[in-house]
């Protein structure tokens, strides 16, 4: 039986830890034999968010596990506990497969495990990971990275994707799909798929773009230019670009392109409209244009993206569970 150990220390986030426990605790398909021998390892009773957890064994048990999962940590600026770093290094040296969920990547990086490897983490912390650990090849635009014996994921939903990816690797797609159905989540999102980040909008009502951005979002199906946006905002194109950079971190056209992709994603998820209709509604014009830009940004073509949201079970079953 494969031993799968989940590390638990103070300051970790409960979602990723609980998700890993729920996903790996049993095989709903009844087809995987043997399943994982799940054990939670920690230095003693640990505080996980609002919860107090009693681990099954000490951190030294990580070195005897086949797979070690490091859940997300709450404060990426805090020093990683030395005992956790030592336990992770010992597990790595013993040949364990190491899996970091979300900001758990900072633990692997602190242990030196990610040196020279490609990695990701939650999009809000990729810059910090790259700055603090320059030997890590940080990719901010993917859901998860599989380096063989070292794997890392982006944020919360991507952590679930990576766990399902592990099951798919170990037991095949039928078992992974059965677990996904139990969780009522898409059975497979490719690791190279982009993190689904909605470009932020100003929170203040008095911001110069506060009226413009909602106006744009209501007209994504129309051809829009920077000059037209500037006229609507009653400012020059140069001032518009400056405000956009300050508020969203990008240019007007890049922000507009992102919103068009997000609109296409929404339509693919909740309608049966053809790709041509989705393309027009998102302001992409043609299905060919949508496929080109969608594949470049999201990492998969729109047809494949839609299938992932339709294959987790009948729509009425999904609605009841939400």
C-alpha atoms as a PDB file:
ATOM      1  CA  UNK A   1       0.000   0.000   0.000  1.00  0.00           C
ATOM      2  CA  UNK A   2       1.270   3.471  -0.899  1.00  0.00           C
ATOM      3  CA  UNK A   3       1.777   5.712   2.119  1.00  0.00           C
ATOM      4  CA  UNK A   4       0.609   9.280   1.562  1.00  0.00           C
ATOM      5  CA  UNK A   5       1.632  11.662   4.322  1.00  0.00           C
ATOM      6  CA  UNK A   6       0.196  15.145   4.772  1.00  0.00           C
ATOM      7  CA  UNK A   7       2.354  17.575   6.735  1.00  0.00           C
ATOM      8  CA  UNK A   8       0.545  19.711   9.313  1.00  0.00           C
ATOM      9  CA  UNK A   9       2.113  22.567  11.253  1.00  0.00           C
ATOM     10  CA  UNK A  10       0.886  25.783  12.850  1.00  0.00           C
ATOM     11  CA  UNK A  11       0.107  28.482  10.312  1.00  0.00           C
ATOM     12  CA  UNK A  12      -1.121  26.236   7.519  1.00  0.00           C
ATOM     13  CA  UNK A  13      -4.461  26.871   5.809  1.00  0.00           C
ATOM     14  CA  UNK A  14      -7.255  24.432   6.476  1.00  0.00           C
ATOM     15  CA  UNK A  15      -8.770  24.323   2.970  1.00  0.00           C
ATOM     16  CA  UNK A  16      -5.873  22.628   1.200  1.00  0.00           C
ATOM     17  CA  UNK A  17      -5.183  20.304   4.126  1.00  0.00           C
ATOM     18  CA  UNK A  18      -8.837  19.275   4.430  1.00  0.00           C
ATOM     19  CA  UNK A  19      -9.186  18.923   0.651  1.00  0.00           C
ATOM     20  CA  UNK A  20      -6.208  16.556   0.481  1.00  0.00           C
ATOM     21  CA  UNK A  21      -7.619  14.494   3.358  1.00  0.00           C
ATOM     22  CA  UNK A  22     -11.024  14.285   1.681  1.00  0.00           C
ATOM     23  CA  UNK A  23      -9.627  13.391  -1.732  1.00  0.00           C
ATOM     24  CA  UNK A  24      -7.182  10.711  -0.627  1.00  0.00           C
ATOM     25  CA  UNK A  25      -9.067   9.146   2.272  1.00  0.00           C
ATOM     26  CA  UNK A  26     -10.960   6.591   0.159  1.00  0.00           C
ATOM     27  CA  UNK A  27     -11.521   5.270  -3.349  1.00  0.00           C
ATOM     28  CA  UNK A  28     -15.149   5.825  -4.403  1.00  0.00           C
ATOM     29  CA  UNK A  29     -14.691   3.715  -7.527  1.00  0.00           C
ATOM     30  CA  UNK A  30     -13.698   0.554  -5.676  1.00  0.00           C
ATOM     31  CA  UNK A  31     -11.255  -0.108  -8.527  1.00  0.00           C
ATOM     32  CA  UNK A  32      -7.945   1.025  -7.017  1.00  0.00           C
ATOM     33  CA  UNK A  33      -6.332  -1.734  -5.016  1.00  0.00           C
ATOM     34  CA  UNK A  34      -4.426  -0.896  -3.005  1.00  0.00           C
ATOM     35  CA  UNK A  35      -5.532   2.673  -2.225  1.00  0.00           C
ATOM     36  CA  UNK A  36      -3.437   5.177  -0.276  1.00  0.00           C
ATOM     37  CA  UNK A  37      -2.551   4.696   3.371  1.00  0.00           C
ATOM     38  CA  UNK A  38      -3.276   8.264   4.528  1.00  0.00           C
ATOM     39  CA  UNK A  39      -1.437   9.683   7.539  1.00  0.00           C
ATOM     40  CA  UNK A  40      -1.305  13.263   8.853  1.00  0.00           C
ATOM     41  CA  UNK A  41       2.070  14.173  10.336  1.00  0.00           C
ATOM     42  CA  UNK A  42       2.928  17.052  12.637  1.00  0.00           C
ATOM     43  CA  UNK A  43       5.066  18.080  15.605  1.00  0.00           C
ATOM     44  CA  UNK A  44       2.089  17.721  17.975  1.00  0.00           C
ATOM     45  CA  UNK A  45      -1.321  19.401  18.234  1.00  0.00           C
ATOM     46  CA  UNK A  46      -1.319  22.157  15.613  1.00  0.00           C
ATOM     47  CA  UNK A  47      -3.493  25.173  14.966  1.00  0.00           C
ATOM     48  CA  UNK A  48      -4.894  25.134  11.402  1.00  0.00           C
ATOM     49  CA  UNK A  49      -6.887  28.318  10.963  1.00  0.00           C
ATOM     50  CA  UNK A  50      -9.726  28.136  13.483  1.00  0.00           C
ATOM     51  CA  UNK A  51      -9.191  24.416  14.078  1.00  0.00           C
ATOM     52  CA  UNK A  52      -6.971  22.456  16.424  1.00  0.00           C
ATOM     53  CA  UNK A  53      -5.671  19.239  14.837  1.00  0.00           C
ATOM     54  CA  UNK A  54      -4.128  16.173  16.416  1.00  0.00           C
ATOM     55  CA  UNK A  55      -1.779  14.572  13.830  1.00  0.00           C
ATOM     56  CA  UNK A  56      -1.473  10.803  13.502  1.00  0.00           C
ATOM     57  CA  UNK A  57       2.312  10.808  13.746  1.00  0.00           C
ATOM     58  CA  UNK A  58       5.354  13.065  13.993  1.00  0.00           C
ATOM     59  CA  UNK A  59       7.038  14.918  11.153  1.00  0.00           C
ATOM     60  CA  UNK A  60       9.786  12.287  11.076  1.00  0.00           C
ATOM     61  CA  UNK A  61       7.218   9.939   9.503  1.00  0.00           C
ATOM     62  CA  UNK A  62       7.441  11.972   6.272  1.00  0.00           C
ATOM     63  CA  UNK A  63      10.759  10.279   5.498  1.00  0.00           C
ATOM     64  CA  UNK A  64       8.990   6.887   5.406  1.00  0.00           C
ATOM     65  CA  UNK A  65       6.180   7.984   3.088  1.00  0.00           C
ATOM     66  CA  UNK A  66       5.939   7.381  -0.640  1.00  0.00           C
ATOM     67  CA  UNK A  67       4.187  10.705  -1.250  1.00  0.00           C
ATOM     68  CA  UNK A  68       4.338  13.810   0.946  1.00  0.00           C
ATOM     69  CA  UNK A  69       1.822  16.628   0.603  1.00  0.00           C
ATOM     70  CA  UNK A  70       2.588  20.115   1.905  1.00  0.00           C
ATOM     71  CA  UNK A  71      -0.624  22.173   2.265  1.00  0.00           C
ATOM     72  CA  UNK A  72      -0.701  25.948   1.847  1.00  0.00           C
ATOM     73  CA  UNK A  73       0.816  28.228   4.460  1.00  0.00           C
ATOM     74  CA  UNK A  74      -1.005  31.371   5.568  1.00  0.00           C
ATOM     75  CA  UNK A  75       1.889  33.815   5.843  1.00  0.00           C
ATOM     76  CA  UNK A  76       4.403  33.503   3.020  1.00  0.00           C
ATOM     77  CA  UNK A  77       6.615  36.105   4.701  1.00  0.00           C
ATOM     78  CA  UNK A  78       6.962  34.083   7.911  1.00  0.00           C
ATOM     79  CA  UNK A  79       9.987  31.868   8.398  1.00  0.00           C
ATOM     80  CA  UNK A  80       9.247  28.232   7.594  1.00  0.00           C
ATOM     81  CA  UNK A  81       9.688  26.068  10.740  1.00  0.00           C
ATOM     82  CA  UNK A  82      13.122  24.441  10.721  1.00  0.00           C
ATOM     83  CA  UNK A  83      11.672  21.081  11.763  1.00  0.00           C
ATOM     84  CA  UNK A  84       9.376  21.102   8.729  1.00  0.00           C
ATOM     85  CA  UNK A  85      12.253  21.975   6.402  1.00  0.00           C
ATOM     86  CA  UNK A  86      14.369  19.171   7.870  1.00  0.00           C
ATOM     87  CA  UNK A  87      11.493  16.681   7.514  1.00  0.00           C
ATOM     88  CA  UNK A  88      10.878  17.681   3.892  1.00  0.00           C
ATOM     89  CA  UNK A  89      14.557  17.346   3.035  1.00  0.00           C
ATOM     90  CA  UNK A  90      14.718  13.948   4.711  1.00  0.00           C
ATOM     91  CA  UNK A  91      11.671  12.769   2.768  1.00  0.00           C
ATOM     92  CA  UNK A  92      13.172  14.038  -0.488  1.00  0.00           C
ATOM     93  CA  UNK A  93      16.476  12.297   0.187  1.00  0.00           C
ATOM     94  CA  UNK A  94      14.596   9.092   0.975  1.00  0.00           C
ATOM     95  CA  UNK A  95      12.957   9.220  -2.456  1.00  0.00           C
ATOM     96  CA  UNK A  96       9.473  10.468  -1.570  1.00  0.00           C
ATOM     97  CA  UNK A  97       7.348  12.237  -4.146  1.00  0.00           C
ATOM     98  CA  UNK A  98       6.794  15.790  -2.879  1.00  0.00           C
ATOM     99  CA  UNK A  99       3.594  17.711  -3.590  1.00  0.00           C
ATOM    100  CA  UNK A 100       3.070  21.350  -2.577  1.00  0.00           C
ATOM    101  CA  UNK A 101      -0.415  22.836  -2.702  1.00  0.00           C
ATOM    102  CA  UNK A 102      -0.719  26.572  -3.351  1.00  0.00           C
ATOM    103  CA  UNK A 103       1.671  28.498  -1.048  1.00  0.00           C
ATOM    104  CA  UNK A 104       3.095  25.215   0.189  1.00  0.00           C
ATOM    105  CA  UNK A 105       5.561  25.866  -2.645  1.00  0.00           C
ATOM    106  CA  UNK A 106       7.343  28.277  -0.292  1.00  0.00           C
ATOM    107  CA  UNK A 107       8.101  25.338   2.015  1.00  0.00           C
ATOM    108  CA  UNK A 108       9.648  23.284  -0.792  1.00  0.00           C
ATOM    109  CA  UNK A 109      11.588  26.335  -1.965  1.00  0.00           C
ATOM    110  CA  UNK A 110      12.904  26.985   1.556  1.00  0.00           C
ATOM    111  CA  UNK A 111      14.054  23.360   1.703  1.00  0.00           C
ATOM    112  CA  UNK A 112      15.927  23.801  -1.588  1.00  0.00           C
ATOM    113  CA  UNK A 113      13.820  21.153  -3.300  1.00  0.00           C
ATOM    114  CA  UNK A 114      12.639  23.506  -6.065  1.00  0.00           C
ATOM    115  CA  UNK A 115      16.100  24.759  -7.029  1.00  0.00           C
ATOM    116  CA  UNK A 116      16.433  24.534 -10.804  1.00  0.00           C
ATOM    117  CA  UNK A 117      12.877  23.302 -11.232  1.00  0.00           C
ATOM    118  CA  UNK A 118       9.804  24.882 -12.771  1.00  0.00           C
ATOM    119  CA  UNK A 119       7.157  25.770 -10.190  1.00  0.00           C
ATOM    120  CA  UNK A 120       4.074  27.855  -9.550  1.00  0.00           C
ATOM    121  CA  UNK A 121       1.955  29.021  -6.639  1.00  0.00           C
ATOM    122  CA  UNK A 122      -1.095  31.211  -6.095  1.00  0.00           C
ATOM    123  CA  UNK A 123      -0.966  34.073  -8.624  1.00  0.00           C
ATOM    124  CA  UNK A 124      -0.896  36.678  -5.827  1.00  0.00           C
ATOM    125  CA  UNK A 125       2.416  35.271  -4.529  1.00  0.00           C
ATOM    126  CA  UNK A 126       4.333  34.259  -7.661  1.00  0.00           C
ATOM    127  CA  UNK A 127       6.373  37.472  -7.661  1.00  0.00           C
ATOM    128  CA  UNK A 128       7.363  36.939  -4.025  1.00  0.00           C
ATOM    129  CA  UNK A 129       8.348  33.332  -4.711  1.00  0.00           C
ATOM    130  CA  UNK A 130      10.494  34.351  -7.672  1.00  0.00           C
ATOM    131  CA  UNK A 131      12.156  37.215  -5.796  1.00  0.00           C
ATOM    132  CA  UNK A 132      12.924  35.214  -2.664  1.00  0.00           C
ATOM    133  CA  UNK A 133      14.087  32.063  -4.424  1.00  0.00           C
ATOM    134  CA  UNK A 134      15.764  33.111  -7.702  1.00  0.00           C
ATOM    135  CA  UNK A 135      16.920  29.549  -8.443  1.00  0.00           C
ATOM    136  CA  UNK A 136      13.284  28.477  -8.833  1.00  0.00           C
ATOM    137  CA  UNK A 137      11.824  28.816 -12.342  1.00  0.00           C
ATOM    138  CA  UNK A 138       8.487  30.381 -11.385  1.00  0.00           C
ATOM    139  CA  UNK A 139       5.676  30.123 -13.937  1.00  0.00           C
ATOM    140  CA  UNK A 140       2.761  32.334 -12.813  1.00  0.00           C
ATOM    141  CA  UNK A 141       0.414  31.295 -15.621  1.00  0.00           C
ATOM    142  CA  UNK A 142      -0.324  27.613 -14.977  1.00  0.00           C
ATOM    143  CA  UNK A 143      -2.557  25.578 -12.666  1.00  0.00           C
ATOM    144  CA  UNK A 144       0.095  23.099 -11.614  1.00  0.00           C
ATOM    145  CA  UNK A 145       3.525  21.777 -12.561  1.00  0.00           C
ATOM    146  CA  UNK A 146       4.556  18.118 -12.601  1.00  0.00           C
ATOM    147  CA  UNK A 147       8.328  17.636 -12.418  1.00  0.00           C
ATOM    148  CA  UNK A 148       8.000  13.898 -11.882  1.00  0.00           C
ATOM    149  CA  UNK A 149       8.836  13.548  -8.185  1.00  0.00           C
ATOM    150  CA  UNK A 150       8.202  17.206  -7.281  1.00  0.00           C
ATOM    151  CA  UNK A 151       4.810  18.748  -8.039  1.00  0.00           C
ATOM    152  CA  UNK A 152       3.317  22.130  -7.160  1.00  0.00           C
ATOM    153  CA  UNK A 153      -0.057  23.778  -7.714  1.00  0.00           C
ATOM    154  CA  UNK A 154      -1.543  27.251  -7.874  1.00  0.00           C
ATOM    155  CA  UNK A 155      -4.471  28.372  -5.673  1.00  0.00           C
ATOM    156  CA  UNK A 156      -7.251  26.430  -4.003  1.00  0.00           C
ATOM    157  CA  UNK A 157      -9.138  24.978  -6.978  1.00  0.00           C
ATOM    158  CA  UNK A 158      -5.816  24.162  -8.650  1.00  0.00           C
ATOM    159  CA  UNK A 159      -4.800  22.226  -5.526  1.00  0.00           C
ATOM    160  CA  UNK A 160      -7.768  19.945  -6.153  1.00  0.00           C
ATOM    161  CA  UNK A 161      -6.741  19.673  -9.808  1.00  0.00           C
ATOM    162  CA  UNK A 162      -3.259  18.552  -8.790  1.00  0.00           C
ATOM    163  CA  UNK A 163      -4.601  15.961  -6.327  1.00  0.00           C
ATOM    164  CA  UNK A 164      -6.797  14.508  -9.078  1.00  0.00           C
ATOM    165  CA  UNK A 165      -3.777  14.556 -11.387  1.00  0.00           C
ATOM    166  CA  UNK A 166      -1.885  12.423  -8.859  1.00  0.00           C
ATOM    167  CA  UNK A 167      -4.717   9.907  -8.735  1.00  0.00           C
ATOM    168  CA  UNK A 168      -4.825   9.857 -12.523  1.00  0.00           C
ATOM    169  CA  UNK A 169      -1.087   9.169 -12.597  1.00  0.00           C
ATOM    170  CA  UNK A 170      -1.286   6.445  -9.971  1.00  0.00           C
ATOM    171  CA  UNK A 171      -4.592   4.738 -10.765  1.00  0.00           C
ATOM    172  CA  UNK A 172      -5.774   5.941 -14.156  1.00  0.00           C
ATOM    173  CA  UNK A 173      -8.546   8.235 -15.426  1.00  0.00           C
ATOM    174  CA  UNK A 174     -11.485   6.034 -14.419  1.00  0.00           C
ATOM    175  CA  UNK A 175     -10.601   6.223 -10.737  1.00  0.00           C
ATOM    176  CA  UNK A 176      -9.715   9.938 -10.945  1.00  0.00           C
ATOM    177  CA  UNK A 177     -13.046  10.658 -12.634  1.00  0.00           C
ATOM    178  CA  UNK A 178     -14.900   8.775  -9.903  1.00  0.00           C
ATOM    179  CA  UNK A 179     -13.219  10.917  -7.249  1.00  0.00           C
ATOM    180  CA  UNK A 180     -14.050  14.061  -9.251  1.00  0.00           C
ATOM    181  CA  UNK A 181     -17.713  13.052  -9.479  1.00  0.00           C
ATOM    182  CA  UNK A 182     -17.858  12.585  -5.715  1.00  0.00           C
ATOM    183  CA  UNK A 183     -16.407  16.068  -5.275  1.00  0.00           C
ATOM    184  CA  UNK A 184     -18.605  17.485  -8.087  1.00  0.00           C
ATOM    185  CA  UNK A 185     -15.646  19.117  -9.817  1.00  0.00           C
ATOM    186  CA  UNK A 186     -14.307  18.908 -13.394  1.00  0.00           C
ATOM    187  CA  UNK A 187     -12.456  15.594 -13.743  1.00  0.00           C
ATOM    188  CA  UNK A 188      -9.450  17.037 -15.526  1.00  0.00           C
ATOM    189  CA  UNK A 189      -7.928  20.445 -16.089  1.00  0.00           C
ATOM    190  CA  UNK A 190      -4.547  20.327 -17.753  1.00  0.00           C
ATOM    191  CA  UNK A 191      -1.695  21.680 -15.645  1.00  0.00           C
ATOM    192  CA  UNK A 192      -0.681  24.056 -18.423  1.00  0.00           C
ATOM    193  CA  UNK A 193      -4.073  25.721 -18.341  1.00  0.00           C
ATOM    194  CA  UNK A 194      -3.881  29.327 -17.192  1.00  0.00           C
ATOM    195  CA  UNK A 195      -4.852  30.400 -13.698  1.00  0.00           C
ATOM    196  CA  UNK A 196      -8.298  31.939 -14.046  1.00  0.00           C
ATOM    197  CA  UNK A 197      -7.603  35.406 -12.702  1.00  0.00           C
ATOM    198  CA  UNK A 198     -10.137  38.155 -13.224  1.00  0.00           C
ATOM    199  CA  UNK A 199      -8.298  41.433 -13.711  1.00  0.00           C
ATOM    200  CA  UNK A 200      -9.118  43.655 -10.718  1.00  0.00           C
ATOM    201  CA  UNK A 201     -11.272  46.744 -11.003  1.00  0.00           C
ATOM    202  CA  UNK A 202     -11.190  49.865  -8.820  1.00  0.00           C
ATOM    203  CA  UNK A 203     -12.996  49.480  -5.520  1.00  0.00           C
ATOM    204  CA  UNK A 204     -13.561  53.215  -4.950  1.00  0.00           C
ATOM    205  CA  UNK A 205     -16.606  54.881  -6.459  1.00  0.00           C
ATOM    206  CA  UNK A 206     -14.623  58.073  -7.056  1.00  0.00           C
ATOM    207  CA  UNK A 207     -11.877  56.365  -9.066  1.00  0.00           C
ATOM    208  CA  UNK A 208     -11.505  57.793 -12.610  1.00  0.00           C
ATOM    209  CA  UNK A 209     -12.283  54.360 -14.069  1.00  0.00           C
ATOM    210  CA  UNK A 210     -15.165  53.485 -11.735  1.00  0.00           C
ATOM    211  CA  UNK A 211     -17.822  54.278 -14.361  1.00  0.00           C
ATOM    212  CA  UNK A 212     -15.825  53.267 -17.420  1.00  0.00           C
ATOM    213  CA  UNK A 213     -15.107  49.635 -16.619  1.00  0.00           C
ATOM    214  CA  UNK A 214     -18.739  48.586 -16.011  1.00  0.00           C
ATOM    215  CA  UNK A 215     -19.613  50.434 -19.215  1.00  0.00           C
ATOM    216  CA  UNK A 216     -17.029  48.384 -21.106  1.00  0.00           C
ATOM    217  CA  UNK A 217     -18.179  45.086 -19.576  1.00  0.00           C
ATOM    218  CA  UNK A 218     -21.693  45.745 -20.891  1.00  0.00           C
ATOM    219  CA  UNK A 219     -20.314  46.211 -24.423  1.00  0.00           C
ATOM    220  CA  UNK A 220     -17.795  43.405 -24.823  1.00  0.00           C
ATOM    221  CA  UNK A 221     -19.619  42.182 -27.917  1.00  0.00           C
ATOM    222  CA  UNK A 222     -18.835  45.450 -29.702  1.00  0.00           C
ATOM    223  CA  UNK A 223     -15.565  46.613 -31.301  1.00  0.00           C
ATOM    224  CA  UNK A 224     -13.928  48.998 -28.829  1.00  0.00           C
ATOM    225  CA  UNK A 225     -10.797  51.106 -29.239  1.00  0.00           C
ATOM    226  CA  UNK A 226      -8.569  52.898 -26.770  1.00  0.00           C
ATOM    227  CA  UNK A 227      -9.686  56.194 -28.279  1.00  0.00           C
ATOM    228  CA  UNK A 228     -13.357  55.304 -27.707  1.00  0.00           C
ATOM    229  CA  UNK A 229     -12.629  54.324 -24.093  1.00  0.00           C
ATOM    230  CA  UNK A 230     -10.766  57.583 -23.570  1.00  0.00           C
ATOM    231  CA  UNK A 231     -13.679  59.612 -24.939  1.00  0.00           C
ATOM    232  CA  UNK A 232     -16.110  57.760 -22.681  1.00  0.00           C
ATOM    233  CA  UNK A 233     -13.848  58.435 -19.676  1.00  0.00           C
ATOM    234  CA  UNK A 234     -13.437  62.068 -20.745  1.00  0.00           C
ATOM    235  CA  UNK A 235      -9.633  61.949 -20.711  1.00  0.00           C
ATOM    236  CA  UNK A 236      -6.756  61.599 -23.127  1.00  0.00           C
ATOM    237  CA  UNK A 237      -5.527  58.188 -24.244  1.00  0.00           C
ATOM    238  CA  UNK A 238      -2.291  58.817 -22.330  1.00  0.00           C
ATOM    239  CA  UNK A 239      -4.123  59.572 -19.088  1.00  0.00           C
ATOM    240  CA  UNK A 240      -6.368  56.549 -19.642  1.00  0.00           C
ATOM    241  CA  UNK A 241      -3.342  54.284 -19.988  1.00  0.00           C
ATOM    242  CA  UNK A 242      -1.841  55.708 -16.804  1.00  0.00           C
ATOM    243  CA  UNK A 243      -5.032  55.127 -14.800  1.00  0.00           C
ATOM    244  CA  UNK A 244      -5.400  51.604 -16.205  1.00  0.00           C
ATOM    245  CA  UNK A 245      -1.861  50.705 -15.264  1.00  0.00           C
ATOM    246  CA  UNK A 246      -2.407  52.021 -11.737  1.00  0.00           C
ATOM    247  CA  UNK A 247      -5.793  50.329 -11.223  1.00  0.00           C
ATOM    248  CA  UNK A 248      -5.390  47.008 -13.042  1.00  0.00           C
ATOM    249  CA  UNK A 249      -1.654  46.583 -13.564  1.00  0.00           C
ATOM    250  CA  UNK A 250      -2.062  46.361 -17.318  1.00  0.00           C
ATOM    251  CA  UNK A 251      -2.961  48.362 -20.433  1.00  0.00           C
ATOM    252  CA  UNK A 252      -6.506  49.134 -21.625  1.00  0.00           C
ATOM    253  CA  UNK A 253      -6.262  46.719 -24.555  1.00  0.00           C
ATOM    254  CA  UNK A 254      -4.759  43.927 -22.444  1.00  0.00           C
ATOM    255  CA  UNK A 255      -7.470  44.405 -19.832  1.00  0.00           C
ATOM    256  CA  UNK A 256     -10.141  44.363 -22.541  1.00  0.00           C
ATOM    257  CA  UNK A 257      -8.701  41.168 -24.049  1.00  0.00           C
ATOM    258  CA  UNK A 258      -8.734  39.499 -20.623  1.00  0.00           C
ATOM    259  CA  UNK A 259     -12.367  40.454 -20.082  1.00  0.00           C
ATOM    260  CA  UNK A 260     -13.301  39.044 -23.481  1.00  0.00           C
ATOM    261  CA  UNK A 261     -11.668  35.736 -22.571  1.00  0.00           C
ATOM    262  CA  UNK A 262     -13.474  35.731 -19.212  1.00  0.00           C
ATOM    263  CA  UNK A 263     -16.794  36.377 -20.996  1.00  0.00           C
ATOM    264  CA  UNK A 264     -16.076  33.475 -23.340  1.00  0.00           C
ATOM    265  CA  UNK A 265     -15.271  31.234 -20.366  1.00  0.00           C
ATOM    266  CA  UNK A 266     -18.553  32.133 -18.687  1.00  0.00           C
ATOM    267  CA  UNK A 267     -20.556  31.409 -21.831  1.00  0.00           C
ATOM    268  CA  UNK A 268     -18.760  28.120 -22.419  1.00  0.00           C
ATOM    269  CA  UNK A 269     -19.468  27.081 -18.837  1.00  0.00           C
ATOM    270  CA  UNK A 270     -23.180  27.923 -18.668  1.00  0.00           C
ATOM    271  CA  UNK A 271     -24.592  27.866 -22.216  1.00  0.00           C
ATOM    272  CA  UNK A 272     -24.803  25.510 -25.193  1.00  0.00           C
ATOM    273  CA  UNK A 273     -24.101  28.318 -27.654  1.00  0.00           C
ATOM    274  CA  UNK A 274     -21.867  27.386 -30.570  1.00  0.00           C
ATOM    275  CA  UNK A 275     -18.241  28.532 -30.544  1.00  0.00           C
ATOM    276  CA  UNK A 276     -19.154  31.007 -33.308  1.00  0.00           C
ATOM    277  CA  UNK A 277     -21.923  32.537 -31.168  1.00  0.00           C
ATOM    278  CA  UNK A 278     -19.650  32.661 -28.119  1.00  0.00           C
ATOM    279  CA  UNK A 279     -16.968  34.370 -30.199  1.00  0.00           C
ATOM    280  CA  UNK A 280     -19.361  37.113 -31.316  1.00  0.00           C
ATOM    281  CA  UNK A 281     -20.784  37.613 -27.810  1.00  0.00           C
ATOM    282  CA  UNK A 282     -17.269  37.969 -26.392  1.00  0.00           C
ATOM    283  CA  UNK A 283     -16.235  40.443 -29.072  1.00  0.00           C
ATOM    284  CA  UNK A 284     -13.835  38.040 -30.789  1.00  0.00           C
ATOM    285  CA  UNK A 285     -15.638  38.138 -34.110  1.00  0.00           C
ATOM    286  CA  UNK A 286     -15.083  34.606 -35.393  1.00  0.00           C
ATOM    287  CA  UNK A 287     -14.595  31.136 -33.945  1.00  0.00           C
ATOM    288  CA  UNK A 288     -11.101  31.039 -35.457  1.00  0.00           C
ATOM    289  CA  UNK A 289     -10.077  34.200 -33.633  1.00  0.00           C
ATOM    290  CA  UNK A 290     -11.572  32.972 -30.368  1.00  0.00           C
ATOM    291  CA  UNK A 291      -9.809  29.616 -30.614  1.00  0.00           C
ATOM    292  CA  UNK A 292      -6.459  31.282 -31.274  1.00  0.00           C
ATOM    293  CA  UNK A 293      -6.622  33.761 -28.392  1.00  0.00           C
ATOM    294  CA  UNK A 294      -8.411  31.395 -25.986  1.00  0.00           C
ATOM    295  CA  UNK A 295      -5.824  28.641 -26.459  1.00  0.00           C
ATOM    296  CA  UNK A 296      -2.972  31.116 -26.000  1.00  0.00           C
ATOM    297  CA  UNK A 297      -4.364  32.608 -22.776  1.00  0.00           C
ATOM    298  CA  UNK A 298      -6.136  29.665 -21.149  1.00  0.00           C
ATOM    299  CA  UNK A 299      -3.908  26.890 -22.429  1.00  0.00           C
ATOM    300  CA  UNK A 300      -6.661  24.721 -23.917  1.00  0.00           C
ATOM    301  CA  UNK A 301      -9.053  25.280 -26.840  1.00  0.00           C
ATOM    302  CA  UNK A 302     -12.607  26.456 -26.039  1.00  0.00           C
ATOM    303  CA  UNK A 303     -14.119  23.088 -26.999  1.00  0.00           C
ATOM    304  CA  UNK A 304     -11.892  21.260 -24.507  1.00  0.00           C
ATOM    305  CA  UNK A 305     -12.539  23.902 -21.854  1.00  0.00           C
ATOM    306  CA  UNK A 306     -16.295  23.403 -22.221  1.00  0.00           C
ATOM    307  CA  UNK A 307     -15.994  19.620 -21.946  1.00  0.00           C
ATOM    308  CA  UNK A 308     -14.248  19.863 -18.569  1.00  0.00           C
ATOM    309  CA  UNK A 309     -17.249  21.722 -17.182  1.00  0.00           C
ATOM    310  CA  UNK A 310     -19.754  19.313 -18.671  1.00  0.00           C
ATOM    311  CA  UNK A 311     -18.131  15.987 -17.765  1.00  0.00           C
ATOM    312  CA  UNK A 312     -18.298  16.135 -13.958  1.00  0.00           C
ATOM    313  CA  UNK A 313     -21.923  14.973 -13.977  1.00  0.00           C
ATOM    314  CA  UNK A 314     -25.421  15.924 -15.137  1.00  0.00           C
ATOM    315  CA  UNK A 315     -26.132  19.679 -14.856  1.00  0.00           C
ATOM    316  CA  UNK A 316     -29.095  19.157 -12.531  1.00  0.00           C
ATOM    317  CA  UNK A 317     -26.963  17.097 -10.169  1.00  0.00           C
ATOM    318  CA  UNK A 318     -24.313  19.810 -10.091  1.00  0.00           C
ATOM    319  CA  UNK A 319     -26.914  22.485  -9.388  1.00  0.00           C
ATOM    320  CA  UNK A 320     -28.326  20.573  -6.429  1.00  0.00           C
ATOM    321  CA  UNK A 321     -24.891  20.299  -4.877  1.00  0.00           C
ATOM    322  CA  UNK A 322     -23.997  23.980  -5.131  1.00  0.00           C
END
